[in-house]
Amino acid sequence: MYAIIRTGGKQYRVEPNRSIRVEKLDGAAGSRITLNDVMLIGGDKPLIGTPTVQGAVVNAEVVEQTRNDTVLVFKKIRRHNHRRKNGHRQPITVLKVLEILRPGEASVLPAQKDVAVK
């Protein structure tokens, strides 16, 4: 089973026990996050949202808060001896997907304080 979720303005294909790197979300390493913006659940009986599947949830665990690789920004104006070099490192969150729940399904994970993300 897999799902398509939306977070940080981007869409990701997720599967249980897989890790994904998303834009920064609140939560310390080890905490659980509930992703409610599920656009599609695939598998034997796919559910397609309009635009989201109401009641579908993806539970994930925060593995770490880190930063992406450096993106270099280089600007030059020719014949004017003008050069500027800057770098940028985007903060990201590494998530491990624990389970994908269809509408009406109950979680099988042990209880822990969740952080809901819209």
N, C-alpha and C. Protein backbone atom coordinates (compact mmCIF):
# COMPACT_ATOMS: atom_id res chain seq x y z
N MET A 1 0.85 -1.17 0.00
CA MET A 1 0.00 0.00 0.00
C MET A 1 0.89 1.24 0.00
N TYR A 2 0.45 2.26 -0.69
CA TYR A 2 1.18 3.51 -0.72
C TYR A 2 0.18 4.65 -0.67
N ALA A 3 0.68 5.86 -0.45
CA ALA A 3 -0.17 7.05 -0.41
C ALA A 3 0.58 8.22 -1.01
N ILE A 4 -0.17 9.18 -1.52
CA ILE A 4 0.39 10.45 -1.98
C ILE A 4 -0.05 11.51 -0.96
N ILE A 5 0.93 12.16 -0.34
CA ILE A 5 0.62 13.19 0.66
C ILE A 5 1.14 14.53 0.18
N ARG A 6 0.62 15.60 0.79
CA ARG A 6 1.08 16.94 0.46
C ARG A 6 1.53 17.61 1.76
N THR A 7 2.75 18.12 1.76
CA THR A 7 3.27 18.88 2.88
C THR A 7 4.34 19.83 2.37
N GLY A 8 4.36 21.03 2.90
CA GLY A 8 5.34 22.02 2.47
C GLY A 8 5.18 22.46 1.04
N GLY A 9 3.97 22.35 0.47
CA GLY A 9 3.73 22.76 -0.90
C GLY A 9 4.20 21.76 -1.93
N LYS A 10 4.62 20.58 -1.48
CA LYS A 10 5.09 19.54 -2.41
C LYS A 10 4.32 18.25 -2.14
N GLN A 11 4.33 17.34 -3.11
CA GLN A 11 3.67 16.06 -2.96
C GLN A 11 4.70 14.96 -2.91
N TYR A 12 4.44 13.95 -2.05
CA TYR A 12 5.38 12.85 -1.85
C TYR A 12 4.63 11.53 -1.92
N ARG A 13 5.27 10.53 -2.50
CA ARG A 13 4.74 9.17 -2.49
C ARG A 13 5.37 8.46 -1.30
N VAL A 14 4.54 7.96 -0.39
CA VAL A 14 5.04 7.35 0.84
C VAL A 14 4.56 5.91 0.94
N GLU A 15 5.37 5.09 1.61
CA GLU A 15 5.05 3.71 1.90
C GLU A 15 5.46 3.43 3.34
N PRO A 16 4.79 2.49 4.01
CA PRO A 16 5.19 2.16 5.39
C PRO A 16 6.64 1.70 5.46
N ASN A 17 7.31 2.08 6.55
CA ASN A 17 8.71 1.73 6.83
C ASN A 17 9.71 2.34 5.86
N ARG A 18 9.31 3.40 5.14
CA ARG A 18 10.22 4.13 4.26
C ARG A 18 10.46 5.52 4.84
N SER A 19 11.61 6.11 4.55
CA SER A 19 11.94 7.45 5.02
C SER A 19 11.79 8.45 3.88
N ILE A 20 11.36 9.67 4.24
CA ILE A 20 11.27 10.75 3.27
C ILE A 20 11.86 12.01 3.89
N ARG A 21 12.33 12.90 3.04
CA ARG A 21 12.89 14.18 3.47
C ARG A 21 11.94 15.27 3.02
N VAL A 22 11.33 15.98 3.99
CA VAL A 22 10.34 17.01 3.68
C VAL A 22 10.82 18.34 4.24
N GLU A 23 10.14 19.43 3.83
CA GLU A 23 10.48 20.73 4.39
C GLU A 23 10.22 20.72 5.88
N LYS A 24 10.89 21.60 6.60
CA LYS A 24 10.90 21.57 8.05
C LYS A 24 9.50 21.55 8.67
N LEU A 25 9.30 20.59 9.59
CA LEU A 25 8.08 20.47 10.37
C LEU A 25 8.45 20.56 11.84
N ASP A 26 7.51 21.03 12.67
CA ASP A 26 7.76 21.09 14.10
C ASP A 26 7.77 19.69 14.68
N GLY A 27 8.65 19.47 15.65
CA GLY A 27 8.72 18.18 16.31
C GLY A 27 10.16 17.77 16.51
N ALA A 28 10.43 17.24 17.70
CA ALA A 28 11.78 16.76 18.02
C ALA A 28 11.96 15.35 17.50
N ALA A 29 13.20 14.92 17.42
CA ALA A 29 13.49 13.57 16.97
C ALA A 29 12.82 12.56 17.91
N GLY A 30 12.16 11.58 17.34
CA GLY A 30 11.46 10.57 18.13
C GLY A 30 9.97 10.84 18.30
N SER A 31 9.53 12.07 18.04
CA SER A 31 8.10 12.38 18.18
C SER A 31 7.33 11.91 16.96
N ARG A 32 6.02 11.74 17.12
CA ARG A 32 5.17 11.30 16.03
C ARG A 32 4.45 12.47 15.40
N ILE A 33 4.25 12.38 14.10
CA ILE A 33 3.54 13.41 13.35
C ILE A 33 2.40 12.74 12.58
N THR A 34 1.25 13.38 12.58
CA THR A 34 0.10 12.91 11.83
C THR A 34 -0.08 13.82 10.61
N LEU A 35 -0.01 13.24 9.43
CA LEU A 35 -0.18 13.99 8.18
C LEU A 35 -1.59 13.74 7.66
N ASN A 36 -2.41 14.78 7.64
CA ASN A 36 -3.82 14.66 7.28
C ASN A 36 -4.10 14.98 5.82
N ASP A 37 -3.13 15.54 5.11
CA ASP A 37 -3.34 15.97 3.74
C ASP A 37 -3.02 14.83 2.77
N VAL A 38 -3.85 13.78 2.78
CA VAL A 38 -3.64 12.60 1.94
C VAL A 38 -4.45 12.77 0.67
N MET A 39 -3.77 12.73 -0.47
CA MET A 39 -4.43 12.98 -1.74
C MET A 39 -4.87 11.69 -2.44
N LEU A 40 -4.19 10.58 -2.16
CA LEU A 40 -4.51 9.32 -2.81
C LEU A 40 -3.99 8.19 -1.96
N ILE A 41 -4.74 7.11 -1.89
CA ILE A 41 -4.27 5.88 -1.26
C ILE A 41 -4.33 4.80 -2.32
N GLY A 42 -3.20 4.21 -2.62
CA GLY A 42 -3.14 3.19 -3.65
C GLY A 42 -3.09 1.80 -3.05
N GLY A 43 -3.25 0.82 -3.90
CA GLY A 43 -3.23 -0.57 -3.45
C GLY A 43 -4.26 -1.36 -4.22
N ASP A 44 -4.86 -2.38 -3.57
CA ASP A 44 -5.87 -3.19 -4.22
C ASP A 44 -7.13 -2.39 -4.54
N LYS A 45 -7.56 -1.55 -3.58
CA LYS A 45 -8.74 -0.71 -3.78
C LYS A 45 -8.33 0.75 -3.59
N PRO A 46 -7.90 1.41 -4.65
CA PRO A 46 -7.41 2.79 -4.50
C PRO A 46 -8.53 3.77 -4.14
N LEU A 47 -8.15 4.78 -3.35
CA LEU A 47 -9.04 5.88 -3.00
C LEU A 47 -8.42 7.15 -3.55
N ILE A 48 -9.18 7.88 -4.35
CA ILE A 48 -8.68 9.11 -4.94
C ILE A 48 -9.46 10.27 -4.33
N GLY A 49 -8.75 11.26 -3.81
CA GLY A 49 -9.38 12.39 -3.16
C GLY A 49 -9.76 13.49 -4.14
N THR A 50 -10.65 14.36 -3.67
CA THR A 50 -11.07 15.51 -4.48
C THR A 50 -11.01 16.78 -3.65
N PRO A 51 -9.96 17.39 -3.32
CA PRO A 51 -8.58 17.04 -3.63
C PRO A 51 -7.94 16.09 -2.61
N THR A 52 -8.55 15.95 -1.40
CA THR A 52 -7.97 15.05 -0.41
C THR A 52 -8.96 13.97 -0.04
N VAL A 53 -8.45 12.87 0.50
CA VAL A 53 -9.28 11.78 0.99
C VAL A 53 -9.66 12.12 2.42
N GLN A 54 -10.95 12.40 2.66
CA GLN A 54 -11.42 12.79 3.99
C GLN A 54 -11.29 11.62 4.95
N GLY A 55 -10.64 11.85 6.10
CA GLY A 55 -10.50 10.83 7.12
C GLY A 55 -9.26 9.96 6.98
N ALA A 56 -8.54 10.07 5.88
CA ALA A 56 -7.32 9.29 5.71
C ALA A 56 -6.17 9.97 6.44
N VAL A 57 -5.28 9.17 7.02
CA VAL A 57 -4.20 9.70 7.84
C VAL A 57 -2.92 8.90 7.56
N VAL A 58 -1.80 9.61 7.57
CA VAL A 58 -0.48 8.96 7.51
C VAL A 58 0.24 9.32 8.80
N ASN A 59 0.62 8.30 9.57
CA ASN A 59 1.37 8.51 10.81
C ASN A 59 2.85 8.30 10.52
N ALA A 60 3.67 9.24 10.99
CA ALA A 60 5.11 9.17 10.75
C ALA A 60 5.85 9.55 12.02
N GLU A 61 7.11 9.18 12.08
CA GLU A 61 7.97 9.50 13.21
C GLU A 61 9.11 10.38 12.72
N VAL A 62 9.43 11.42 13.49
CA VAL A 62 10.54 12.31 13.13
C VAL A 62 11.85 11.59 13.45
N VAL A 63 12.66 11.37 12.44
CA VAL A 63 13.97 10.74 12.63
C VAL A 63 14.99 11.78 13.03
N GLU A 64 15.04 12.90 12.29
CA GLU A 64 15.97 13.98 12.64
C GLU A 64 15.56 15.28 11.98
N GLN A 65 16.04 16.37 12.56
CA GLN A 65 15.92 17.70 11.99
C GLN A 65 17.31 18.07 11.48
N THR A 66 17.43 18.34 10.21
CA THR A 66 18.74 18.61 9.63
C THR A 66 18.61 19.68 8.54
N ARG A 67 19.65 19.83 7.75
CA ARG A 67 19.64 20.79 6.65
C ARG A 67 20.09 20.10 5.37
N ASN A 68 19.55 20.54 4.27
CA ASN A 68 19.87 19.98 2.96
C ASN A 68 21.28 20.37 2.54
N ASP A 69 21.72 19.83 1.43
CA ASP A 69 23.02 20.20 0.88
C ASP A 69 23.00 21.67 0.44
N THR A 70 24.17 22.25 0.34
CA THR A 70 24.30 23.65 -0.03
C THR A 70 23.94 23.88 -1.49
N VAL A 71 23.14 24.91 -1.71
CA VAL A 71 22.83 25.35 -3.06
C VAL A 71 23.60 26.65 -3.27
N LEU A 72 24.48 26.68 -4.26
CA LEU A 72 25.29 27.87 -4.52
C LEU A 72 24.56 28.82 -5.45
N VAL A 73 24.64 30.11 -5.11
CA VAL A 73 24.05 31.17 -5.92
C VAL A 73 25.21 32.07 -6.35
N PHE A 74 25.48 32.11 -7.65
CA PHE A 74 26.60 32.90 -8.16
C PHE A 74 26.07 33.90 -9.16
N LYS A 75 26.36 35.18 -8.91
CA LYS A 75 25.91 36.24 -9.81
C LYS A 75 27.12 36.97 -10.35
N LYS A 76 27.08 37.29 -11.64
CA LYS A 76 28.20 37.97 -12.27
C LYS A 76 27.68 38.96 -13.29
N ILE A 77 28.27 40.13 -13.31
CA ILE A 77 27.99 41.11 -14.35
C ILE A 77 29.28 41.26 -15.14
N ARG A 78 29.25 40.87 -16.39
CA ARG A 78 30.48 40.83 -17.17
C ARG A 78 31.00 42.24 -17.45
N ARG A 79 32.30 42.32 -17.56
CA ARG A 79 33.04 43.54 -17.86
C ARG A 79 32.90 44.62 -16.77
N HIS A 80 32.43 44.26 -15.58
CA HIS A 80 32.32 45.23 -14.49
C HIS A 80 33.01 44.76 -13.22
N ASN A 81 33.75 43.65 -13.29
CA ASN A 81 34.44 43.08 -12.14
C ASN A 81 33.47 42.91 -10.95
N HIS A 82 32.28 42.42 -11.24
CA HIS A 82 31.25 42.24 -10.22
C HIS A 82 30.90 40.75 -10.12
N ARG A 83 31.21 40.17 -8.97
CA ARG A 83 30.90 38.76 -8.72
C ARG A 83 30.39 38.62 -7.29
N ARG A 84 29.31 37.87 -7.10
CA ARG A 84 28.77 37.60 -5.77
C ARG A 84 28.49 36.10 -5.67
N LYS A 85 28.94 35.51 -4.60
CA LYS A 85 28.73 34.09 -4.37
C LYS A 85 28.09 33.90 -3.00
N ASN A 86 26.91 33.29 -2.98
CA ASN A 86 26.20 33.00 -1.74
C ASN A 86 25.82 31.54 -1.73
N GLY A 87 25.58 31.02 -0.55
CA GLY A 87 25.10 29.65 -0.40
C GLY A 87 23.85 29.63 0.45
N HIS A 88 23.06 28.56 0.29
CA HIS A 88 21.83 28.43 1.07
C HIS A 88 21.64 26.96 1.43
N ARG A 89 21.30 26.70 2.70
CA ARG A 89 20.99 25.34 3.15
C ARG A 89 19.59 25.34 3.73
N GLN A 90 18.67 24.67 3.06
CA GLN A 90 17.28 24.62 3.48
C GLN A 90 17.10 23.65 4.65
N PRO A 91 16.43 24.08 5.73
CA PRO A 91 16.17 23.14 6.84
C PRO A 91 15.13 22.10 6.41
N ILE A 92 15.38 20.83 6.77
CA ILE A 92 14.48 19.74 6.40
C ILE A 92 14.23 18.84 7.61
N THR A 93 13.20 18.03 7.49
CA THR A 93 12.86 17.03 8.49
C THR A 93 12.86 15.67 7.81
N VAL A 94 13.52 14.70 8.43
CA VAL A 94 13.52 13.34 7.91
C VAL A 94 12.45 12.57 8.67
N LEU A 95 11.49 12.01 7.92
CA LEU A 95 10.37 11.28 8.52
C LEU A 95 10.44 9.81 8.13
N LYS A 96 10.05 8.95 9.07
CA LYS A 96 9.88 7.53 8.78
C LYS A 96 8.39 7.24 8.86
N VAL A 97 7.81 6.78 7.77
CA VAL A 97 6.37 6.51 7.71
C VAL A 97 6.09 5.22 8.49
N LEU A 98 5.19 5.31 9.47
CA LEU A 98 4.85 4.16 10.30
C LEU A 98 3.64 3.41 9.75
N GLU A 99 2.58 4.14 9.39
CA GLU A 99 1.39 3.48 8.89
C GLU A 99 0.55 4.43 8.05
N ILE A 100 -0.25 3.84 7.16
CA ILE A 100 -1.19 4.58 6.34
C ILE A 100 -2.58 4.06 6.71
N LEU A 101 -3.45 4.98 7.13
CA LEU A 101 -4.78 4.58 7.57
C LEU A 101 -5.84 5.08 6.60
N ARG A 102 -6.72 4.18 6.16
CA ARG A 102 -7.87 4.55 5.35
C ARG A 102 -8.92 5.20 6.24
N PRO A 103 -9.91 5.87 5.67
CA PRO A 103 -10.97 6.47 6.49
C PRO A 103 -11.68 5.41 7.33
N GLY A 104 -11.79 5.67 8.63
CA GLY A 104 -12.48 4.76 9.54
C GLY A 104 -11.60 3.71 10.18
N GLU A 105 -10.37 3.55 9.73
CA GLU A 105 -9.46 2.57 10.33
C GLU A 105 -8.87 3.12 11.61
N ALA A 106 -8.55 2.24 12.55
CA ALA A 106 -7.93 2.63 13.81
C ALA A 106 -6.45 2.30 13.77
N SER A 107 -5.67 3.10 14.48
CA SER A 107 -4.22 2.90 14.51
C SER A 107 -3.87 1.69 15.36
N VAL A 108 -2.84 0.97 14.96
CA VAL A 108 -2.37 -0.17 15.72
C VAL A 108 -1.10 0.17 16.51
N LEU A 109 -0.67 1.43 16.43
CA LEU A 109 0.53 1.86 17.14
C LEU A 109 0.21 2.13 18.61
N PRO A 110 1.18 1.92 19.50
CA PRO A 110 0.95 2.27 20.90
C PRO A 110 0.74 3.76 21.07
N ALA A 111 -0.03 4.13 22.07
CA ALA A 111 -0.38 5.54 22.28
C ALA A 111 0.86 6.37 22.60
N GLN A 112 0.93 7.53 22.00
CA GLN A 112 2.00 8.50 22.23
C GLN A 112 1.45 9.84 21.83
N LYS A 113 1.97 10.91 22.42
CA LYS A 113 1.50 12.24 22.09
C LYS A 113 1.86 12.55 20.64
N ASP A 114 0.84 12.86 19.82
CA ASP A 114 1.03 13.15 18.40
C ASP A 114 1.09 14.63 18.16
N VAL A 115 1.73 15.03 17.07
CA VAL A 115 1.74 16.39 16.60
C VAL A 115 1.01 16.39 15.26
N ALA A 116 -0.12 17.07 15.18
CA ALA A 116 -0.89 17.09 13.94
C ALA A 116 -0.32 18.13 12.98
N VAL A 117 -0.24 17.78 11.72
CA VAL A 117 0.26 18.68 10.69
C VAL A 117 -0.81 18.79 9.63
N LYS A 118 -1.09 20.01 9.19
CA LYS A 118 -2.10 20.20 8.15
C LYS A 118 -1.47 20.38 6.81
